[in-house]
N, C-alpha and C. Protein backbone atom coordinates (compact mmCIF):
# COMPACT_ATOMS: atom_id res chain seq x y z
N UNK A 1 21.25 -7.22 31.68
CA UNK A 1 20.62 -8.24 30.87
C UNK A 1 19.29 -7.74 30.30
N UNK A 2 18.61 -6.90 31.08
CA UNK A 2 17.33 -6.36 30.62
C UNK A 2 17.53 -5.53 29.36
N UNK A 3 18.56 -4.71 29.35
CA UNK A 3 18.84 -3.86 28.19
C UNK A 3 19.11 -4.73 26.97
N UNK A 4 19.86 -5.80 27.15
CA UNK A 4 20.17 -6.70 26.05
C UNK A 4 18.91 -7.32 25.47
N UNK A 5 18.00 -7.76 26.32
CA UNK A 5 16.74 -8.35 25.85
C UNK A 5 15.92 -7.33 25.08
N UNK A 6 15.82 -6.13 25.60
CA UNK A 6 15.05 -5.07 24.93
C UNK A 6 15.66 -4.74 23.58
N UNK A 7 16.97 -4.59 23.54
CA UNK A 7 17.65 -4.27 22.27
C UNK A 7 17.47 -5.40 21.27
N UNK A 8 17.60 -6.64 21.71
CA UNK A 8 17.41 -7.78 20.81
C UNK A 8 15.98 -7.86 20.29
N UNK A 9 15.00 -7.61 21.15
CA UNK A 9 13.60 -7.65 20.72
C UNK A 9 13.33 -6.55 19.69
N UNK A 10 13.85 -5.36 19.94
CA UNK A 10 13.66 -4.25 19.00
C UNK A 10 14.39 -4.50 17.68
N UNK A 11 15.59 -5.04 17.76
CA UNK A 11 16.35 -5.35 16.56
C UNK A 11 15.66 -6.44 15.74
N UNK A 12 15.17 -7.46 16.41
CA UNK A 12 14.47 -8.53 15.71
C UNK A 12 13.18 -8.00 15.08
N UNK A 13 12.48 -7.14 15.80
CA UNK A 13 11.24 -6.57 15.25
C UNK A 13 11.51 -5.74 14.01
N UNK A 14 12.51 -4.88 14.08
CA UNK A 14 12.76 -3.98 12.95
C UNK A 14 13.44 -4.68 11.79
N UNK A 15 14.56 -5.33 12.03
CA UNK A 15 15.31 -5.97 10.93
C UNK A 15 14.62 -7.24 10.44
N UNK A 16 14.09 -8.02 11.35
CA UNK A 16 13.40 -9.25 10.94
C UNK A 16 12.15 -8.96 10.13
N UNK A 17 11.49 -7.88 10.46
CA UNK A 17 10.30 -7.49 9.70
C UNK A 17 10.61 -7.12 8.27
N UNK A 18 11.83 -6.63 8.05
CA UNK A 18 12.23 -6.29 6.67
C UNK A 18 12.37 -7.54 5.82
N UNK A 19 12.43 -8.70 6.45
CA UNK A 19 12.46 -9.98 5.73
C UNK A 19 11.07 -10.60 5.69
N UNK A 20 10.38 -10.56 6.84
CA UNK A 20 9.07 -11.22 6.96
C UNK A 20 8.01 -10.54 6.09
N UNK A 21 7.93 -9.23 6.12
CA UNK A 21 6.87 -8.52 5.40
C UNK A 21 6.95 -8.74 3.88
N UNK A 22 8.13 -8.59 3.25
CA UNK A 22 8.19 -8.88 1.82
C UNK A 22 7.84 -10.34 1.49
N UNK A 23 8.21 -11.25 2.41
CA UNK A 23 7.86 -12.66 2.19
C UNK A 23 6.35 -12.86 2.21
N UNK A 24 5.67 -12.20 3.15
CA UNK A 24 4.21 -12.30 3.21
C UNK A 24 3.59 -11.65 1.97
N UNK A 25 4.11 -10.49 1.58
CA UNK A 25 3.58 -9.82 0.38
C UNK A 25 3.80 -10.68 -0.87
N UNK A 26 4.87 -11.46 -0.89
CA UNK A 26 5.13 -12.35 -2.01
C UNK A 26 4.12 -13.48 -2.11
N UNK A 27 3.42 -13.77 -1.04
CA UNK A 27 2.41 -14.82 -1.04
C UNK A 27 1.07 -14.36 -1.62
N UNK A 28 0.92 -13.06 -1.81
CA UNK A 28 -0.34 -12.55 -2.35
C UNK A 28 -0.44 -12.93 -3.82
N UNK A 29 -1.66 -13.03 -4.33
CA UNK A 29 -1.83 -13.40 -5.74
C UNK A 29 -1.11 -12.43 -6.67
N UNK A 30 -0.51 -12.97 -7.70
CA UNK A 30 0.25 -12.17 -8.66
C UNK A 30 -0.71 -11.30 -9.47
N UNK A 31 -0.38 -10.04 -9.60
CA UNK A 31 -1.17 -9.11 -10.41
C UNK A 31 -0.33 -8.53 -11.54
N UNK A 32 0.77 -9.19 -11.86
CA UNK A 32 1.60 -8.72 -12.95
C UNK A 32 2.26 -7.40 -12.62
N UNK A 33 2.18 -6.47 -13.56
CA UNK A 33 2.85 -5.19 -13.38
C UNK A 33 2.17 -4.32 -12.33
N UNK A 34 0.94 -4.67 -11.93
CA UNK A 34 0.26 -3.88 -10.89
C UNK A 34 1.02 -3.95 -9.58
N UNK A 35 1.65 -5.09 -9.30
CA UNK A 35 2.41 -5.23 -8.06
C UNK A 35 3.57 -4.24 -8.04
N UNK A 36 4.28 -4.13 -9.15
CA UNK A 36 5.42 -3.22 -9.22
C UNK A 36 4.95 -1.77 -9.13
N UNK A 37 3.85 -1.44 -9.80
CA UNK A 37 3.33 -0.07 -9.73
C UNK A 37 2.85 0.26 -8.32
N UNK A 38 2.20 -0.70 -7.67
CA UNK A 38 1.72 -0.47 -6.31
C UNK A 38 2.89 -0.23 -5.37
N UNK A 39 3.95 -1.00 -5.55
CA UNK A 39 5.13 -0.83 -4.70
C UNK A 39 5.77 0.54 -4.93
N UNK A 40 5.78 0.99 -6.18
CA UNK A 40 6.41 2.28 -6.46
C UNK A 40 5.57 3.44 -5.94
N UNK A 41 4.26 3.26 -5.85
CA UNK A 41 3.40 4.32 -5.34
C UNK A 41 3.53 4.48 -3.83
N UNK A 42 3.79 3.38 -3.14
CA UNK A 42 3.95 3.44 -1.69
C UNK A 42 5.43 3.58 -1.36
N UNK A 43 6.00 4.70 -1.73
CA UNK A 43 7.42 4.96 -1.51
C UNK A 43 7.74 5.03 -0.02
N UNK A 44 8.96 4.66 0.30
CA UNK A 44 9.42 4.76 1.68
C UNK A 44 8.89 3.67 2.58
N UNK A 45 8.37 2.61 2.00
CA UNK A 45 7.76 1.54 2.80
C UNK A 45 8.73 0.87 3.74
N UNK A 46 9.96 0.68 3.32
CA UNK A 46 10.95 0.02 4.18
C UNK A 46 11.26 0.87 5.41
N UNK A 47 11.50 2.14 5.20
CA UNK A 47 11.83 3.03 6.33
C UNK A 47 10.61 3.19 7.25
N UNK A 48 9.46 3.40 6.64
CA UNK A 48 8.25 3.54 7.45
C UNK A 48 7.99 2.26 8.24
N UNK A 49 8.20 1.12 7.59
CA UNK A 49 7.97 -0.16 8.25
C UNK A 49 8.91 -0.39 9.42
N UNK A 50 10.18 -0.04 9.25
CA UNK A 50 11.14 -0.20 10.35
C UNK A 50 10.74 0.68 11.54
N UNK A 51 10.40 1.93 11.26
CA UNK A 51 9.98 2.83 12.34
C UNK A 51 8.69 2.35 13.00
N UNK A 52 7.77 1.87 12.19
CA UNK A 52 6.50 1.34 12.71
C UNK A 52 6.76 0.15 13.64
N UNK A 53 7.59 -0.78 13.21
CA UNK A 53 7.86 -1.96 14.03
C UNK A 53 8.60 -1.60 15.32
N UNK A 54 9.52 -0.64 15.24
CA UNK A 54 10.21 -0.20 16.46
C UNK A 54 9.21 0.40 17.46
N UNK A 55 8.32 1.24 16.95
CA UNK A 55 7.33 1.87 17.84
C UNK A 55 6.36 0.84 18.43
N UNK A 56 5.92 -0.11 17.61
CA UNK A 56 4.97 -1.11 18.10
C UNK A 56 5.64 -2.03 19.12
N UNK A 57 6.80 -2.56 18.78
CA UNK A 57 7.50 -3.45 19.71
C UNK A 57 7.86 -2.70 20.99
N UNK A 58 8.30 -1.46 20.85
CA UNK A 58 8.62 -0.66 22.03
C UNK A 58 7.40 -0.42 22.91
N UNK A 59 6.26 -0.17 22.29
CA UNK A 59 5.02 0.04 23.07
C UNK A 59 4.65 -1.22 23.84
N UNK A 60 4.78 -2.36 23.19
CA UNK A 60 4.46 -3.63 23.86
C UNK A 60 5.46 -3.89 24.99
N UNK A 61 6.75 -3.67 24.73
CA UNK A 61 7.76 -3.88 25.76
C UNK A 61 7.57 -2.96 26.96
N UNK A 62 7.10 -1.75 26.71
CA UNK A 62 6.86 -0.80 27.80
C UNK A 62 5.55 -1.05 28.53
N UNK A 63 4.77 -1.99 28.04
CA UNK A 63 3.49 -2.29 28.68
C UNK A 63 2.39 -1.33 28.31
N UNK A 64 2.51 -0.69 27.15
CA UNK A 64 1.50 0.25 26.67
C UNK A 64 1.01 -0.18 25.28
N UNK A 65 0.20 -1.23 25.22
CA UNK A 65 -0.26 -1.70 23.91
C UNK A 65 -1.14 -0.70 23.17
N UNK A 66 -1.66 0.29 23.88
CA UNK A 66 -2.46 1.32 23.20
C UNK A 66 -1.60 2.13 22.22
N UNK A 67 -0.29 2.06 22.40
CA UNK A 67 0.63 2.70 21.46
C UNK A 67 0.51 2.13 20.06
N UNK A 68 0.10 0.86 19.97
CA UNK A 68 -0.09 0.23 18.66
C UNK A 68 -1.20 0.96 17.90
N UNK A 69 -2.26 1.32 18.60
CA UNK A 69 -3.37 2.04 17.95
C UNK A 69 -2.91 3.39 17.44
N UNK A 70 -2.05 4.04 18.18
CA UNK A 70 -1.54 5.35 17.76
C UNK A 70 -0.68 5.19 16.50
N UNK A 71 0.16 4.17 16.49
CA UNK A 71 1.01 3.91 15.32
C UNK A 71 0.16 3.64 14.09
N UNK A 72 -0.86 2.81 14.24
CA UNK A 72 -1.75 2.49 13.11
C UNK A 72 -2.46 3.75 12.62
N UNK A 73 -2.93 4.57 13.54
CA UNK A 73 -3.63 5.80 13.15
C UNK A 73 -2.70 6.76 12.41
N UNK A 74 -1.50 6.94 12.92
CA UNK A 74 -0.55 7.85 12.28
C UNK A 74 -0.17 7.33 10.90
N UNK A 75 0.06 6.03 10.79
CA UNK A 75 0.42 5.46 9.49
C UNK A 75 -0.73 5.61 8.50
N UNK A 76 -1.93 5.33 8.94
CA UNK A 76 -3.09 5.46 8.06
C UNK A 76 -3.29 6.89 7.58
N UNK A 77 -3.15 7.84 8.49
CA UNK A 77 -3.29 9.24 8.10
C UNK A 77 -2.16 9.69 7.18
N UNK A 78 -0.97 9.19 7.46
CA UNK A 78 0.18 9.56 6.63
C UNK A 78 0.10 8.99 5.22
N UNK A 79 -0.47 7.80 5.08
CA UNK A 79 -0.58 7.15 3.78
C UNK A 79 -1.88 7.49 3.05
N UNK A 80 -2.80 8.13 3.72
CA UNK A 80 -4.11 8.39 3.10
C UNK A 80 -4.02 9.10 1.75
N UNK A 81 -3.22 10.16 1.62
CA UNK A 81 -3.16 10.82 0.31
C UNK A 81 -2.66 9.89 -0.80
N UNK A 82 -1.69 9.04 -0.47
CA UNK A 82 -1.18 8.10 -1.48
C UNK A 82 -2.22 7.06 -1.84
N UNK A 83 -2.94 6.58 -0.84
CA UNK A 83 -3.97 5.58 -1.11
C UNK A 83 -5.14 6.19 -1.88
N UNK A 84 -5.49 7.39 -1.53
CA UNK A 84 -6.62 8.08 -2.18
C UNK A 84 -6.30 8.43 -3.63
N UNK A 85 -5.09 8.89 -3.89
CA UNK A 85 -4.74 9.35 -5.21
C UNK A 85 -4.00 8.34 -6.05
N UNK A 86 -3.93 7.09 -5.61
CA UNK A 86 -3.14 6.08 -6.32
C UNK A 86 -3.60 5.89 -7.75
N UNK A 87 -4.89 5.81 -7.96
CA UNK A 87 -5.39 5.50 -9.29
C UNK A 87 -5.22 6.67 -10.25
N UNK A 88 -5.54 7.85 -9.82
CA UNK A 88 -5.50 8.99 -10.73
C UNK A 88 -4.08 9.45 -11.02
N UNK A 89 -3.16 9.19 -10.08
CA UNK A 89 -1.79 9.66 -10.27
C UNK A 89 -1.05 8.89 -11.36
N UNK A 90 -1.37 7.62 -11.56
CA UNK A 90 -0.59 6.80 -12.45
C UNK A 90 -1.22 6.58 -13.83
N UNK A 91 -2.53 6.67 -13.93
CA UNK A 91 -3.15 6.33 -15.20
C UNK A 91 -3.12 7.46 -16.19
N UNK A 92 -3.27 8.67 -15.72
CA UNK A 92 -3.29 9.81 -16.63
C UNK A 92 -4.45 9.71 -17.61
N UNK A 93 -5.59 9.26 -17.12
CA UNK A 93 -6.75 9.10 -18.00
C UNK A 93 -7.18 10.44 -18.56
N UNK A 94 -7.40 10.45 -19.84
CA UNK A 94 -7.82 11.68 -20.51
C UNK A 94 -9.32 11.85 -20.38
N UNK A 95 -9.74 13.08 -20.35
CA UNK A 95 -11.17 13.36 -20.27
C UNK A 95 -11.81 13.21 -21.64
N UNK A 96 -13.11 13.45 -21.71
CA UNK A 96 -13.80 13.30 -22.99
C UNK A 96 -13.30 14.31 -24.01
N UNK A 97 -13.29 13.89 -25.24
CA UNK A 97 -12.86 14.76 -26.33
C UNK A 97 -14.08 15.47 -26.88
N UNK A 98 -14.00 16.78 -26.92
CA UNK A 98 -15.13 17.55 -27.42
C UNK A 98 -15.06 17.61 -28.95
N UNK A 99 -16.20 17.42 -29.56
CA UNK A 99 -16.29 17.51 -31.02
C UNK A 99 -16.88 18.86 -31.33
N UNK A 100 -16.15 19.62 -32.13
CA UNK A 100 -16.60 20.96 -32.43
C UNK A 100 -17.21 20.99 -33.82
N UNK A 101 -18.10 21.92 -34.02
CA UNK A 101 -18.69 22.10 -35.34
C UNK A 101 -19.91 21.21 -35.55
N UNK A 102 -20.50 21.36 -36.72
CA UNK A 102 -21.66 20.56 -37.08
C UNK A 102 -21.23 19.16 -37.46
N UNK A 103 -22.11 18.17 -37.21
CA UNK A 103 -21.77 16.82 -37.63
C UNK A 103 -21.71 16.76 -39.17
N UNK A 104 -20.80 15.95 -39.67
CA UNK A 104 -20.67 15.88 -41.13
C UNK A 104 -21.94 15.32 -41.76
N UNK A 105 -22.22 15.80 -42.96
CA UNK A 105 -23.40 15.30 -43.67
C UNK A 105 -23.08 14.07 -44.49
N UNK A 106 -21.84 13.88 -44.84
CA UNK A 106 -21.41 12.72 -45.61
C UNK A 106 -21.54 11.47 -44.72
N UNK A 107 -22.23 10.42 -45.17
CA UNK A 107 -22.42 9.21 -44.35
C UNK A 107 -21.10 8.55 -43.96
N UNK A 108 -20.13 8.55 -44.85
CA UNK A 108 -18.84 7.92 -44.53
C UNK A 108 -18.11 8.72 -43.44
N UNK A 109 -18.14 10.03 -43.56
CA UNK A 109 -17.48 10.88 -42.57
C UNK A 109 -18.18 10.75 -41.21
N UNK A 110 -19.51 10.66 -41.25
CA UNK A 110 -20.27 10.50 -40.01
C UNK A 110 -19.93 9.15 -39.36
N UNK A 111 -19.84 8.09 -40.16
CA UNK A 111 -19.50 6.77 -39.64
C UNK A 111 -18.09 6.77 -39.04
N UNK A 112 -17.17 7.45 -39.71
CA UNK A 112 -15.80 7.53 -39.20
C UNK A 112 -15.76 8.28 -37.88
N UNK A 113 -16.55 9.35 -37.78
CA UNK A 113 -16.59 10.14 -36.55
C UNK A 113 -17.20 9.31 -35.41
N UNK A 114 -18.25 8.56 -35.72
CA UNK A 114 -18.87 7.72 -34.69
C UNK A 114 -17.92 6.63 -34.22
N UNK A 115 -17.19 6.05 -35.16
CA UNK A 115 -16.23 5.00 -34.79
C UNK A 115 -15.10 5.58 -33.93
N UNK A 116 -14.65 6.77 -34.27
CA UNK A 116 -13.61 7.42 -33.47
C UNK A 116 -14.13 7.70 -32.06
N UNK A 117 -15.39 8.11 -31.95
CA UNK A 117 -15.97 8.37 -30.64
C UNK A 117 -16.08 7.08 -29.84
N UNK A 118 -16.43 5.97 -30.48
CA UNK A 118 -16.53 4.68 -29.80
C UNK A 118 -15.15 4.20 -29.34
N UNK A 119 -14.15 4.41 -30.19
CA UNK A 119 -12.79 4.02 -29.81
C UNK A 119 -12.31 4.83 -28.62
N UNK A 120 -12.62 6.12 -28.62
CA UNK A 120 -12.24 6.98 -27.51
C UNK A 120 -12.92 6.53 -26.22
N UNK A 121 -14.20 6.20 -26.32
CA UNK A 121 -14.94 5.73 -25.14
C UNK A 121 -14.35 4.42 -24.64
N UNK A 122 -13.95 3.53 -25.53
CA UNK A 122 -13.35 2.26 -25.13
C UNK A 122 -12.01 2.50 -24.42
N UNK A 123 -11.23 3.45 -24.92
CA UNK A 123 -9.95 3.79 -24.28
C UNK A 123 -10.18 4.34 -22.88
N UNK A 124 -11.20 5.17 -22.75
CA UNK A 124 -11.50 5.75 -21.44
C UNK A 124 -11.94 4.68 -20.45
N UNK A 125 -12.77 3.73 -20.92
CA UNK A 125 -13.20 2.64 -20.05
C UNK A 125 -12.01 1.78 -19.63
N UNK A 126 -11.11 1.51 -20.56
CA UNK A 126 -9.92 0.72 -20.24
C UNK A 126 -9.04 1.45 -19.23
N UNK A 127 -8.90 2.76 -19.37
CA UNK A 127 -8.11 3.55 -18.41
C UNK A 127 -8.76 3.53 -17.04
N UNK A 128 -10.09 3.61 -16.98
CA UNK A 128 -10.79 3.57 -15.70
C UNK A 128 -10.65 2.20 -15.04
N UNK A 129 -10.71 1.13 -15.83
CA UNK A 129 -10.53 -0.21 -15.29
C UNK A 129 -9.12 -0.39 -14.75
N UNK A 130 -8.14 0.12 -15.48
CA UNK A 130 -6.75 0.03 -15.04
C UNK A 130 -6.56 0.83 -13.75
N UNK A 131 -7.18 1.99 -13.67
CA UNK A 131 -7.08 2.81 -12.46
C UNK A 131 -7.69 2.09 -11.27
N UNK A 132 -8.82 1.45 -11.47
CA UNK A 132 -9.47 0.72 -10.39
C UNK A 132 -8.61 -0.47 -9.95
N UNK A 133 -8.01 -1.15 -10.90
CA UNK A 133 -7.15 -2.29 -10.58
C UNK A 133 -5.91 -1.84 -9.81
N UNK A 134 -5.32 -0.73 -10.23
CA UNK A 134 -4.15 -0.21 -9.54
C UNK A 134 -4.51 0.24 -8.13
N UNK A 135 -5.63 0.90 -7.99
CA UNK A 135 -6.08 1.35 -6.67
C UNK A 135 -6.28 0.16 -5.74
N UNK A 136 -6.87 -0.91 -6.26
CA UNK A 136 -7.08 -2.12 -5.46
C UNK A 136 -5.74 -2.74 -5.07
N UNK A 137 -4.78 -2.76 -6.00
CA UNK A 137 -3.47 -3.35 -5.71
C UNK A 137 -2.73 -2.54 -4.65
N UNK A 138 -2.81 -1.22 -4.72
CA UNK A 138 -2.15 -0.37 -3.72
C UNK A 138 -2.79 -0.58 -2.35
N UNK A 139 -4.11 -0.59 -2.30
CA UNK A 139 -4.80 -0.79 -1.02
C UNK A 139 -4.48 -2.16 -0.43
N UNK A 140 -4.47 -3.17 -1.29
CA UNK A 140 -4.17 -4.53 -0.85
C UNK A 140 -2.76 -4.62 -0.28
N UNK A 141 -1.81 -4.03 -0.98
CA UNK A 141 -0.41 -4.06 -0.51
C UNK A 141 -0.28 -3.32 0.83
N UNK A 142 -0.95 -2.19 0.96
CA UNK A 142 -0.89 -1.43 2.21
C UNK A 142 -1.47 -2.24 3.37
N UNK A 143 -2.63 -2.82 3.17
CA UNK A 143 -3.30 -3.54 4.26
C UNK A 143 -2.53 -4.80 4.65
N UNK A 144 -2.14 -5.59 3.67
CA UNK A 144 -1.43 -6.83 3.98
C UNK A 144 -0.06 -6.54 4.58
N UNK A 145 0.66 -5.58 4.01
CA UNK A 145 1.97 -5.23 4.54
C UNK A 145 1.89 -4.68 5.96
N UNK A 146 0.91 -3.83 6.21
CA UNK A 146 0.75 -3.27 7.55
C UNK A 146 0.39 -4.35 8.56
N UNK A 147 -0.53 -5.23 8.19
CA UNK A 147 -0.94 -6.29 9.11
C UNK A 147 0.23 -7.22 9.41
N UNK A 148 0.97 -7.62 8.39
CA UNK A 148 2.13 -8.50 8.61
C UNK A 148 3.16 -7.81 9.50
N UNK A 149 3.40 -6.54 9.25
CA UNK A 149 4.36 -5.78 10.04
C UNK A 149 3.92 -5.67 11.50
N UNK A 150 2.66 -5.38 11.71
CA UNK A 150 2.14 -5.24 13.08
C UNK A 150 2.18 -6.57 13.84
N UNK A 151 1.77 -7.64 13.18
CA UNK A 151 1.77 -8.95 13.85
C UNK A 151 3.21 -9.33 14.22
N UNK A 152 4.15 -9.12 13.31
CA UNK A 152 5.54 -9.44 13.60
C UNK A 152 6.07 -8.60 14.76
N UNK A 153 5.80 -7.31 14.76
CA UNK A 153 6.31 -6.43 15.81
C UNK A 153 5.69 -6.76 17.16
N UNK A 154 4.40 -7.05 17.20
CA UNK A 154 3.75 -7.42 18.46
C UNK A 154 4.33 -8.75 18.97
N UNK A 155 4.55 -9.69 18.07
CA UNK A 155 5.12 -10.98 18.47
C UNK A 155 6.52 -10.79 19.05
N UNK A 156 7.33 -9.93 18.42
CA UNK A 156 8.69 -9.67 18.94
C UNK A 156 8.62 -8.97 20.29
N UNK A 157 7.73 -8.01 20.43
CA UNK A 157 7.57 -7.32 21.72
C UNK A 157 7.08 -8.26 22.80
N UNK A 158 6.12 -9.10 22.47
CA UNK A 158 5.60 -10.07 23.44
C UNK A 158 6.67 -11.10 23.80
N UNK A 159 7.45 -11.51 22.81
CA UNK A 159 8.55 -12.43 23.09
C UNK A 159 9.57 -11.81 24.02
N UNK A 160 9.85 -10.53 23.80
CA UNK A 160 10.76 -9.82 24.70
C UNK A 160 10.22 -9.74 26.11
N UNK A 161 8.91 -9.49 26.23
CA UNK A 161 8.28 -9.45 27.56
C UNK A 161 8.37 -10.81 28.24
N UNK A 162 8.11 -11.85 27.47
CA UNK A 162 8.19 -13.21 28.03
C UNK A 162 9.61 -13.49 28.52
N UNK A 163 10.59 -13.13 27.70
CA UNK A 163 11.99 -13.34 28.06
C UNK A 163 12.34 -12.56 29.33
N UNK A 164 11.87 -11.33 29.41
CA UNK A 164 12.12 -10.52 30.61
C UNK A 164 11.48 -11.16 31.85
N UNK A 165 10.29 -11.73 31.68
CA UNK A 165 9.61 -12.39 32.80
C UNK A 165 10.39 -13.62 33.25
N UNK A 166 11.01 -14.32 32.31
CA UNK A 166 11.81 -15.49 32.68
C UNK A 166 13.07 -15.11 33.45
N UNK A 167 13.59 -13.93 33.16
CA UNK A 167 14.80 -13.47 33.87
C UNK A 167 14.50 -12.99 35.29
N UNK A 168 13.26 -12.58 35.52
CA UNK A 168 12.91 -12.01 36.83
C UNK A 168 12.72 -13.06 37.90
């Protein structure tokens, strides 16, 4: 009976979390296409989440809650490059455009050149704002998803422990 309880707790933690975590993420404020881009940047989330929940629930069932800290640390280190590079990887922001040669002496040509420079600067600012928004969306999705996953897995592990205590 003990094996059955442990298997059920682990199964509920892993499979149930695949339902609970997306539901919690769906409650976050809508960011339009940023949500889809953030999800695509954090590839492998379902598999990582299942493994994370199995490890967390297993640690709780074994009476070693410090295992949760190890899981969180490993996940954070594993996702760090994706979180760090989320903004620069997707925006493809161009650097400043160098203007070569002497400035034109014709007032109309000079005005056109200045306007082109202002438009380029506006595009760069827009790209930087988009990068910052995407970076925030990726970080938000990571934090909320991880917290929901951990809470669910700990609850399943604790429920399994409670059930085991009732059988004893």
